[in-house]
C-alpha atoms as a PDB file:
ATOM      1  CA  MET A   1      10.099 -10.794 -27.128  1.00  0.00           C
ATOM      2  CA  LYS A   2       7.159 -11.149 -24.085  1.00  0.00           C
ATOM      3  CA  LYS A   3       7.358  -8.303 -20.959  1.00  0.00           C
ATOM      4  CA  SER A   4       7.505  -9.244 -17.370  1.00  0.00           C
ATOM      5  CA  LYS A   5       8.715  -6.295 -16.256  1.00  0.00           C
ATOM      6  CA  LEU A   6       9.484  -2.995 -16.997  1.00  0.00           C
ATOM      7  CA  ASN A   7      11.328  -0.241 -15.283  1.00  0.00           C
ATOM      8  CA  ILE A   8       9.429   3.542 -15.744  1.00  0.00           C
ATOM      9  CA  GLY A   9       8.677   6.975 -14.719  1.00  0.00           C
ATOM     10  CA  VAL A  10       5.334   7.900 -13.775  1.00  0.00           C
ATOM     11  CA  LYS A  11       5.409  10.426 -16.327  1.00  0.00           C
ATOM     12  CA  GLU A  12       5.644   7.227 -18.796  1.00  0.00           C
ATOM     13  CA  LEU A  13       3.265   5.463 -17.145  1.00  0.00           C
ATOM     14  CA  THR A  14      -0.152   7.832 -16.899  1.00  0.00           C
ATOM     15  CA  PHE A  15       0.775   8.606 -20.730  1.00  0.00           C
ATOM     16  CA  LEU A  16       0.297   5.101 -21.059  1.00  0.00           C
ATOM     17  CA  ALA A  17      -2.458   4.606 -19.252  1.00  0.00           C
ATOM     18  CA  ALA A  18      -3.910   7.244 -21.273  1.00  0.00           C
ATOM     19  CA  LEU A  19      -3.114   5.314 -24.086  1.00  0.00           C
ATOM     20  CA  SER A  20      -5.635   2.583 -23.335  1.00  0.00           C
ATOM     21  CA  GLU A  21      -7.866   5.220 -21.573  1.00  0.00           C
ATOM     22  CA  GLY A  22      -7.330   4.864 -17.840  1.00  0.00           C
ATOM     23  CA  GLN A  23      -8.507   7.107 -15.708  1.00  0.00           C
ATOM     24  CA  THR A  24      -7.549   6.138 -12.633  1.00  0.00           C
ATOM     25  CA  LEU A  25      -4.083   4.882 -11.294  1.00  0.00           C
ATOM     26  CA  LEU A  26      -4.582   3.124  -7.910  1.00  0.00           C
ATOM     27  CA  GLY A  27      -1.790   3.950  -5.798  1.00  0.00           C
ATOM     28  CA  VAL A  28      -0.296   6.528  -8.396  1.00  0.00           C
ATOM     29  CA  GLU A  29       0.686   9.953  -7.373  1.00  0.00           C
ATOM     30  CA  ASP A  30      -0.543  12.351 -10.184  1.00  0.00           C
ATOM     31  CA  PRO A  31       2.864  13.731 -11.903  1.00  0.00           C
ATOM     32  CA  PHE A  32       0.997  15.894 -13.301  1.00  0.00           C
ATOM     33  CA  ASP A  33      -0.683  17.526 -10.570  1.00  0.00           C
ATOM     34  CA  GLY A  34      -1.722  21.509 -10.773  1.00  0.00           C
ATOM     35  CA  TRP A  35       0.084  21.739 -14.710  1.00  0.00           C
ATOM     36  CA  LEU A  36      -2.067  23.276 -17.510  1.00  0.00           C
ATOM     37  CA  ALA A  37      -3.170  21.856 -20.393  1.00  0.00           C
ATOM     38  CA  HIS A  38      -0.314  22.938 -22.947  1.00  0.00           C
ATOM     39  CA  GLN A  39       2.347  22.257 -20.193  1.00  0.00           C
ATOM     40  CA  VAL A  40       1.257  18.454 -20.578  1.00  0.00           C
ATOM     41  CA  GLU A  41       1.362  17.885 -24.009  1.00  0.00           C
ATOM     42  CA  GLU A  42       4.785  19.632 -23.562  1.00  0.00           C
ATOM     43  CA  GLU A  43       6.215  16.841 -21.351  1.00  0.00           C
ATOM     44  CA  TRP A  44       4.555  14.117 -23.815  1.00  0.00           C
ATOM     45  CA  GLU A  45       5.984  16.151 -26.936  1.00  0.00           C
ATOM     46  CA  LYS A  46       9.668  15.775 -24.846  1.00  0.00           C
ATOM     47  CA  LEU A  47       9.017  11.779 -24.112  1.00  0.00           C
ATOM     48  CA  ALA A  48       7.866  10.050 -26.772  1.00  0.00           C
ATOM     49  CA  PRO A  49      11.606  10.138 -28.388  1.00  0.00           C
ATOM     50  CA  GLU A  50      12.904   8.650 -24.765  1.00  0.00           C
ATOM     51  CA  MET A  51       9.805   6.142 -24.559  1.00  0.00           C
ATOM     52  CA  GLU A  52      10.173   5.102 -28.273  1.00  0.00           C
ATOM     53  CA  ALA A  53      14.268   4.789 -27.391  1.00  0.00           C
ATOM     54  CA  LYS A  54      13.206   2.663 -24.752  1.00  0.00           C
ATOM     55  CA  GLN A  55      10.772   0.111 -26.827  1.00  0.00           C
ATOM     56  CA  LEU A  56       7.758   1.430 -24.655  1.00  0.00           C
ATOM     57  CA  ILE A  57       6.179   2.507 -27.247  1.00  0.00           C
ATOM     58  CA  LYS A  58       6.620   2.695 -31.983  1.00  0.00           C
ATOM     59  CA  LYS A  59       5.501   5.032 -33.814  1.00  0.00           C
ATOM     60  CA  THR A  60       4.576   4.381 -37.164  1.00  0.00           C
ATOM     61  CA  THR A  61       5.226   6.723 -40.486  1.00  0.00           C
ATOM     62  CA  ASN A  62       2.289   8.223 -40.412  1.00  0.00           C
ATOM     63  CA  GLY A  63       2.377   9.550 -36.892  1.00  0.00           C
ATOM     64  CA  GLU A  64       0.345   6.484 -35.313  1.00  0.00           C
ATOM     65  CA  ILE A  65       0.592   5.383 -32.092  1.00  0.00           C
ATOM     66  CA  ILE A  66       2.073   1.205 -30.617  1.00  0.00           C
ATOM     67  CA  VAL A  67       1.855   0.258 -27.583  1.00  0.00           C
ATOM     68  CA  ASP A  68       3.568  -3.612 -27.960  1.00  0.00           C
ATOM     69  CA  GLU A  69       0.304  -6.176 -26.890  1.00  0.00           C
ATOM     70  CA  SER A  70       2.420  -7.001 -23.764  1.00  0.00           C
ATOM     71  CA  ILE A  71       3.314  -4.122 -22.123  1.00  0.00           C
ATOM     72  CA  ALA A  72      -0.683  -3.128 -23.172  1.00  0.00           C
ATOM     73  CA  ASP A  73      -1.504  -5.436 -20.795  1.00  0.00           C
ATOM     74  CA  ILE A  74       0.645  -4.817 -18.020  1.00  0.00           C
ATOM     75  CA  ILE A  75      -0.968  -1.172 -18.220  1.00  0.00           C
ATOM     76  CA  LYS A  76      -4.301  -2.418 -18.942  1.00  0.00           C
ATOM     77  CA  THR A  77      -3.628  -4.359 -15.205  1.00  0.00           C
ATOM     78  CA  CYS A  78      -2.863  -0.909 -13.549  1.00  0.00           C
ATOM     79  CA  CYS A  79      -5.924   0.269 -14.735  1.00  0.00           C
ATOM     80  CA  PHE A  80      -8.288  -1.744 -15.032  1.00  0.00           C
ATOM     81  CA  PRO A  81      -8.022  -4.022 -11.631  1.00  0.00           C
ATOM     82  CA  GLY A  82     -10.474  -5.893 -10.423  1.00  0.00           C
ATOM     83  CA  GLY A  83      -9.001  -6.006  -7.364  1.00  0.00           C
ATOM     84  CA  CYS A  84      -5.980  -4.193  -5.652  1.00  0.00           C
ATOM     85  CA  ILE A  85      -3.723  -4.526  -2.498  1.00  0.00           C
ATOM     86  CA  LEU A  86      -1.990  -0.903  -1.798  1.00  0.00           C
ATOM     87  CA  LEU A  87       0.740  -1.572   1.088  1.00  0.00           C
ATOM     88  CA  SER A  88       2.425   1.158   3.073  1.00  0.00           C
ATOM     89  CA  ARG A  89       5.383   0.261   4.969  1.00  0.00           C
ATOM     90  CA  TRP A  90       7.772   3.607   7.322  1.00  0.00           C
ATOM     91  CA  GLU A  91      11.133   2.543   9.069  1.00  0.00           C
ATOM     92  CA  LYS A  92      13.122   4.302  11.874  1.00  0.00           C
ATOM     93  CA  GLY A  93      15.697   6.261   9.943  1.00  0.00           C
ATOM     94  CA  GLY A  94      14.586   5.413   7.052  1.00  0.00           C
ATOM     95  CA  ARG A  95      11.639   6.701   3.666  1.00  0.00           C
ATOM     96  CA  ALA A  96       8.473   4.975   3.474  1.00  0.00           C
ATOM     97  CA  THR A  97       8.408   2.030   0.572  1.00  0.00           C
ATOM     98  CA  ASN A  98       5.319   1.497  -0.912  1.00  0.00           C
ATOM     99  CA  SER A  99       4.003  -1.470  -3.769  1.00  0.00           C
ATOM    100  CA  CYS A 100       0.729  -2.060  -4.799  1.00  0.00           C
ATOM    101  CA  TYR A 101      -0.796  -5.304  -6.374  1.00  0.00           C
ATOM    102  CA  TYR A 102      -2.871  -5.053  -9.245  1.00  0.00           C
ATOM    103  CA  ILE A 103      -5.308  -8.308  -9.947  1.00  0.00           C
ATOM    104  CA  THR A 104      -7.429  -9.914 -12.462  1.00  0.00           C
ATOM    105  CA  ARG A 105      -8.666 -12.428 -13.604  1.00  0.00           C
ATOM    106  CA  ASN A 106      -5.711 -12.930 -16.717  1.00  0.00           C
ATOM    107  CA  MET A 107      -2.383 -11.442 -14.738  1.00  0.00           C
ATOM    108  CA  GLN A 108      -1.504  -9.982 -11.685  1.00  0.00           C
ATOM    109  CA  VAL A 109       1.663  -6.289 -11.810  1.00  0.00           C
ATOM    110  CA  GLU A 110       3.058  -5.182  -8.668  1.00  0.00           C
ATOM    111  CA  LYS A 111       3.568  -1.695  -8.549  1.00  0.00           C
ATOM    112  CA  VAL A 112       7.176  -0.638  -6.009  1.00  0.00           C
ATOM    113  CA  ASP A 113       8.377   2.556  -6.149  1.00  0.00           C
ATOM    114  CA  PHE A 114      11.730   3.531  -6.008  1.00  0.00           C
ATOM    115  CA  ASP A 115      14.395   6.032  -5.932  1.00  0.00           C
ATOM    116  CA  PRO A 116      14.480   9.144  -7.025  1.00  0.00           C
ATOM    117  CA  PRO A 117      11.142   9.936  -7.077  1.00  0.00           C
ATOM    118  CA  TYR A 118       8.388   9.601  -9.814  1.00  0.00           C
ATOM    119  CA  ASN A 119       9.954   6.083 -11.545  1.00  0.00           C
ATOM    120  CA  CYS A 120       8.743   2.295 -10.573  1.00  0.00           C
ATOM    121  CA  SER A 121       8.647  -1.532 -11.282  1.00  0.00           C
ATOM    122  CA  LEU A 122       6.170  -3.130 -12.562  1.00  0.00           C
ATOM    123  CA  THR A 123       6.235  -7.024 -12.527  1.00  0.00           C
ATOM    124  CA  VAL A 124       3.741 -10.197 -14.004  1.00  0.00           C
ATOM    125  CA  LEU A 125       3.627 -11.919 -11.000  1.00  0.00           C
ATOM    126  CA  GLN A 126       2.168 -15.872 -12.639  1.00  0.00           C
ATOM    127  CA  GLU A 127       0.751 -17.415  -8.833  1.00  0.00           C
ATOM    128  CA  THR A 128      -1.409 -16.416  -6.205  1.00  0.00           C
ATOM    129  CA  PRO A 129       0.898 -17.727  -3.255  1.00  0.00           C
ATOM    130  CA  GLU A 130       3.534 -15.011  -4.819  1.00  0.00           C
ATOM    131  CA  ILE A 131       2.363 -12.073  -3.943  1.00  0.00           C
ATOM    132  CA  VAL A 132       1.333 -14.058  -0.589  1.00  0.00           C
ATOM    133  CA  LYS A 133       4.816 -14.372   0.201  1.00  0.00           C
ATOM    134  CA  ARG A 134       5.930 -10.228  -0.338  1.00  0.00           C
ATOM    135  CA  LEU A 135       2.810  -9.482   1.310  1.00  0.00           C
ATOM    136  CA  GLU A 136       4.763 -11.438   3.776  1.00  0.00           C
ATOM    137  CA  LYS A 137       8.257  -9.810   3.598  1.00  0.00           C
ATOM    138  CA  SER A 138       6.829  -6.180   4.186  1.00  0.00           C
ATOM    139  CA  PHE A 139       5.533  -7.398   7.526  1.00  0.00           C
ATOM    140  CA  PRO A 140       7.621  -6.859  10.914  1.00  0.00           C
ATOM    141  CA  SER A 141       9.077 -10.912  12.067  1.00  0.00           C
ATOM    142  CA  CYS A 142       6.236 -10.218  14.940  1.00  0.00           C
ATOM    143  CA  GLY A 143       8.299 -12.598  17.430  1.00  0.00           C
ATOM    144  CA  ALA A 144       8.332  -9.154  20.007  1.00  0.00           C
ATOM    145  CA  SER A 145       4.491  -9.866  21.071  1.00  0.00           C
ATOM    146  CA  GLU A 146       4.383 -12.970  21.594  1.00  0.00           C
ATOM    147  CA  GLY A 147       2.350 -12.617  24.956  1.00  0.00           C
ATOM    148  CA  LYS A 148      -0.917 -13.653  26.245  1.00  0.00           C
ATOM    149  CA  PHE A 149      -2.290  -9.854  26.943  1.00  0.00           C
ATOM    150  CA  SER A 150      -5.172  -8.787  24.790  1.00  0.00           C
ATOM    151  CA  GLY A 151      -4.845  -5.213  23.923  1.00  0.00           C
ATOM    152  CA  GLY A 152      -8.596  -3.268  23.665  1.00  0.00           C
ATOM    153  CA  GLU A 153     -10.482  -0.811  21.815  1.00  0.00           C
ATOM    154  CA  LEU A 154      -9.611   2.932  21.539  1.00  0.00           C
ATOM    155  CA  PRO A 155     -11.232   5.924  20.062  1.00  0.00           C
ATOM    156  CA  SER A 156      -8.406   7.328  17.362  1.00  0.00           C
ATOM    157  CA  SER A 157      -8.691  10.731  19.413  1.00  0.00           C
ATOM    158  CA  LEU A 158      -6.996   9.354  22.282  1.00  0.00           C
ATOM    159  CA  ILE A 159      -4.172   7.993  19.789  1.00  0.00           C
ATOM    160  CA  ALA A 160      -3.534  10.620  18.472  1.00  0.00           C
ATOM    161  CA  ASP A 161      -3.252  12.157  21.300  1.00  0.00           C
ATOM    162  CA  ILE A 162      -1.036  10.016  22.681  1.00  0.00           C
ATOM    163  CA  ARG A 163       1.528   9.876  19.371  1.00  0.00           C
ATOM    164  CA  GLY A 164       2.348  14.208  20.435  1.00  0.00           C
ATOM    165  CA  TYR A 165       4.213  12.808  23.389  1.00  0.00           C
ATOM    166  CA  LYS A 166       7.854  12.494  23.323  1.00  0.00           C
ATOM    167  CA  ARG A 167       9.835   9.652  24.806  1.00  0.00           C
ATOM    168  CA  ASP A 168      10.516  11.604  28.228  1.00  0.00           C
ATOM    169  CA  GLU A 169       6.974  11.751  28.720  1.00  0.00           C
ATOM    170  CA  LEU A 170       5.775   8.089  28.701  1.00  0.00           C
ATOM    171  CA  GLU A 171       4.612   8.392  31.637  1.00  0.00           C
ATOM    172  CA  LYS A 172       2.152  10.936  30.888  1.00  0.00           C
ATOM    173  CA  GLY A 173       0.710   9.262  27.911  1.00  0.00           C
ATOM    174  CA  ILE A 174       0.826   5.540  29.953  1.00  0.00           C
ATOM    175  CA  ALA A 175      -1.435   7.427  32.915  1.00  0.00           C
ATOM    176  CA  LEU A 176      -3.941   9.476  30.672  1.00  0.00           C
ATOM    177  CA  LEU A 177      -4.707   5.838  28.759  1.00  0.00           C
ATOM    178  CA  GLN A 178      -4.673   4.298  31.975  1.00  0.00           C
ATOM    179  CA  GLU A 179      -7.524   7.658  33.266  1.00  0.00           C
ATOM    180  CA  LYS A 180     -10.219   6.977  30.219  1.00  0.00           C
ATOM    181  CA  TYR A 181      -9.762   3.520  29.616  1.00  0.00           C
ATOM    182  CA  PRO A 182      -8.691   0.985  32.624  1.00  0.00           C
ATOM    183  CA  SER A 183      -9.688  -1.755  30.892  1.00  0.00           C
ATOM    184  CA  PHE A 184      -6.739  -2.166  27.820  1.00  0.00           C
ATOM    185  CA  ASP A 185      -4.613  -4.234  28.856  1.00  0.00           C
ATOM    186  CA  GLU A 186      -0.980  -4.007  28.070  1.00  0.00           C
ATOM    187  CA  PRO A 187      -1.354   0.084  28.298  1.00  0.00           C
ATOM    188  CA  ALA A 188       2.444   0.699  29.059  1.00  0.00           C
ATOM    189  CA  LEU A 189       3.435  -1.702  26.190  1.00  0.00           C
ATOM    190  CA  LEU A 190       0.967   0.314  23.209  1.00  0.00           C
ATOM    191  CA  VAL A 191       2.034   4.080  24.882  1.00  0.00           C
ATOM    192  CA  SER A 192       5.665   2.821  24.376  1.00  0.00           C
ATOM    193  CA  ALA A 193       5.228   1.328  20.172  1.00  0.00           C
ATOM    194  CA  LEU A 194       3.285   4.745  20.036  1.00  0.00           C
ATOM    195  CA  ILE A 195       5.851   7.054  21.239  1.00  0.00           C
ATOM    196  CA  ASP A 196       9.223   5.414  19.975  1.00  0.00           C
ATOM    197  CA  SER A 197       7.667   2.891  17.104  1.00  0.00           C
ATOM    198  CA  ILE A 198      10.357   0.754  14.147  1.00  0.00           C
ATOM    199  CA  SER A 199       8.293   0.217  11.543  1.00  0.00           C
ATOM    200  CA  TYR A 200       4.476   0.808  11.043  1.00  0.00           C
ATOM    201  CA  THR A 201       2.745  -1.084   7.580  1.00  0.00           C
ATOM    202  CA  ILE A 202       0.130  -0.613   6.512  1.00  0.00           C
ATOM    203  CA  MET A 203      -1.801  -2.919   4.012  1.00  0.00           C
ATOM    204  CA  ILE A 204      -5.364  -2.780   2.290  1.00  0.00           C
ATOM    205  CA  TYR A 205      -7.417  -4.389  -0.264  1.00  0.00           C
ATOM    206  CA  SER A 206      -9.922  -2.648  -1.989  1.00  0.00           C
ATOM    207  CA  ASP A 207     -12.881  -4.822  -5.019  1.00  0.00           C
ATOM    208  CA  PHE A 208     -13.475  -3.235  -7.662  1.00  0.00           C
ATOM    209  CA  ARG A 209     -16.364  -5.261  -9.025  1.00  0.00           C
ATOM    210  CA  LYS A 210     -18.447  -4.647  -6.187  1.00  0.00           C
ATOM    211  CA  LYS A 211     -20.766  -1.216  -5.662  1.00  0.00           C
ATOM    212  CA  PRO A 212     -19.699  -0.132  -3.576  1.00  0.00           C
ATOM    213  CA  VAL A 213     -15.895  -0.655  -3.823  1.00  0.00           C
ATOM    214  CA  SER A 214     -15.577  -3.014  -1.161  1.00  0.00           C
ATOM    215  CA  THR A 215     -12.287  -2.448   1.058  1.00  0.00           C
ATOM    216  CA  TYR A 216     -10.913  -4.163   3.601  1.00  0.00           C
ATOM    217  CA  GLY A 217      -7.673  -3.311   5.979  1.00  0.00           C
ATOM    218  CA  PHE A 218      -5.692  -3.351   9.085  1.00  0.00           C
ATOM    219  CA  SER A 219      -2.085  -1.903  10.288  1.00  0.00           C
ATOM    220  CA  VAL A 220       0.589  -2.925  11.904  1.00  0.00           C
ATOM    221  CA  LEU A 221       3.020  -0.721  14.281  1.00  0.00           C
ATOM    222  CA  GLU A 222       6.035  -1.709  15.791  1.00  0.00           C
ATOM    223  CA  SER A 223       8.781  -1.033  18.579  1.00  0.00           C
ATOM    224  CA  HIS A 224      11.564  -2.894  20.734  1.00  0.00           C
ATOM    225  CA  ASP A 225       8.966  -4.620  23.013  1.00  0.00           C
ATOM    226  CA  SER A 226       5.679  -4.965  21.447  1.00  0.00           C
ATOM    227  CA  THR A 227       3.935  -5.605  17.894  1.00  0.00           C
ATOM    228  CA  TRP A 228       0.264  -4.320  17.275  1.00  0.00           C
ATOM    229  CA  LYS A 229      -2.518  -5.403  14.920  1.00  0.00           C
ATOM    230  CA  ILE A 230      -4.823  -1.378  13.994  1.00  0.00           C
ATOM    231  CA  ARG A 231      -7.932  -1.882  12.165  1.00  0.00           C
ATOM    232  CA  ALA A 232      -9.990   1.051  12.233  1.00  0.00           C
ATOM    233  CA  PHE A 233     -14.181   0.639  12.285  1.00  0.00           C
ATOM    234  CA  ASN A 234     -16.937   2.876  13.096  1.00  0.00           C
ATOM    235  CA  ASN A 235     -18.218   3.717  17.132  1.00  0.00           C
ATOM    236  CA  GLY A 236     -20.903   5.983  16.285  1.00  0.00           C
ATOM    237  CA  GLU A 237     -19.783   8.942  14.417  1.00  0.00           C
ATOM    238  CA  GLU A 238     -16.642   8.579  16.212  1.00  0.00           C
ATOM    239  CA  GLU A 239     -13.454   6.086  14.178  1.00  0.00           C
ATOM    240  CA  TRP A 240     -12.217   4.319  17.370  1.00  0.00           C
ATOM    241  CA  LEU A 241      -9.140   1.356  16.450  1.00  0.00           C
ATOM    242  CA  GLU A 242      -8.952  -2.458  17.517  1.00  0.00           C
ATOM    243  CA  ILE A 243      -6.003  -3.064  18.924  1.00  0.00           C
ATOM    244  CA  LYS A 244      -4.952  -6.335  18.922  1.00  0.00           C
ATOM    245  CA  PRO A 245      -0.745  -7.606  19.985  1.00  0.00           C
ATOM    246  CA  PHE A 246       0.128  -8.927  16.121  1.00  0.00           C
ATOM    247  CA  ASN A 247       1.785 -12.410  16.369  1.00  0.00           C
ATOM    248  CA  LYS A 248       2.633 -15.528  13.505  1.00  0.00           C
ATOM    249  CA  ASN A 249      -0.636 -16.585  13.009  1.00  0.00           C
ATOM    250  CA  ALA A 250      -2.158 -13.636  13.262  1.00  0.00           C
ATOM    251  CA  LEU A 251      -0.200 -12.958  10.347  1.00  0.00           C
ATOM    252  CA  ASP A 252      -0.793 -16.308   8.953  1.00  0.00           C
ATOM    253  CA  GLN A 253      -4.408 -15.484   9.526  1.00  0.00           C
ATOM    254  CA  GLU A 254      -4.497 -11.841   7.578  1.00  0.00           C
ATOM    255  CA  LEU A 255      -2.008 -13.095   4.629  1.00  0.00           C
ATOM    256  CA  ILE A 256      -5.409 -16.494   4.044  1.00  0.00           C
ATOM    257  CA  LYS A 257      -7.637 -13.982   3.678  1.00  0.00           C
ATOM    258  CA  PHE A 258      -5.646 -12.121   1.535  1.00  0.00           C
ATOM    259  CA  SER A 259      -5.180 -14.733  -0.926  1.00  0.00           C
ATOM    260  CA  LYS A 260      -8.812 -16.068  -0.659  1.00  0.00           C
ATOM    261  CA  LYS A 261      -9.430 -12.569  -1.641  1.00  0.00           C
ATOM    262  CA  VAL A 262      -7.214 -12.715  -5.290  1.00  0.00           C
ATOM    263  CA  GLU A 263      -8.365 -16.767  -6.427  1.00  0.00           C
ATOM    264  CA  GLU A 264     -11.521 -14.879  -6.318  1.00  0.00           C
ATOM    265  CA  LEU A 265     -10.597 -12.702  -8.723  1.00  0.00           C
ATOM    266  CA  LYS A 266      -9.453 -15.642 -11.288  1.00  0.00           C
END
C-alpha cells in the first residue's frame, strides 16, 4: 500500500535519509550531535529491527536493506527539496511548535514535530491550497490590528533592549522608544506587545534552485491589544526591523506570495 503519512522518530528519519544519500535535513535537529561513529553504528544496530517491525525497511536474506518506494519518495522529498517552508510558533504558557514543508515538482511533504521529543509526522500533501490552509491556521486571527496606524522601522538592538523590560516597566520601554524614534506610530502598543506577548510566529521560505539560496520570511508578534508583522533588513552594517500592523489583508497577501513560490517549483 502506498504510504501517505509516517509517524517516525528523528533518529529513524536520519537513518532513512542516510540510506537515500541525503546530507542535510532542513528543520531537523541532529539527534547524533556529539556522538562518536561507533555509537551511531550501535544505535543503528538497535533501531534496525524496530524499523523493520514498523515496515520502514526490509532486510533481504543476504542483509541488503530495502526501503519501500513510497517511503523512499517521502524521505527524498525531505532531503532534496526544491523549496522549503520553515514555520515555528510560540504561545504563552506553552512550548514552541515547529513544522516544515518540503516541496518538489512531484511531491509536497509536511513535517510536524510532536511529543515526546525527537518524534515527528510526515504527511504527503496533494495540492498547494492544502499547504496554504495549514499555514493560515498557524497565524493569529489578526482582529486586534485593524486600526490605521502605520508602525515604522527600528534597529533590532533597540527591540532587544525593550524586550528586556518587565511588565511593570512598560512606561520605561515606551519612553525609550519615543525618545530615540519619536516618529514611530503607536509606540505604546508595540512596547506592550514586546513585553507581554501571547504568541510569536516565524515563517521562512528557501528556494534551493537558486545559487546562492534565495530566502524570504517574516514574523508575527501578537499581544492582547495588537498584532505586528516584523521583517528584518540590513541598514548599513546594522540589522533593522520593519514593523507594521498585521491584519487579515496582510496575512492574505503573504499567503498569496507563498502560494506563488510553491507553484513556481511545480
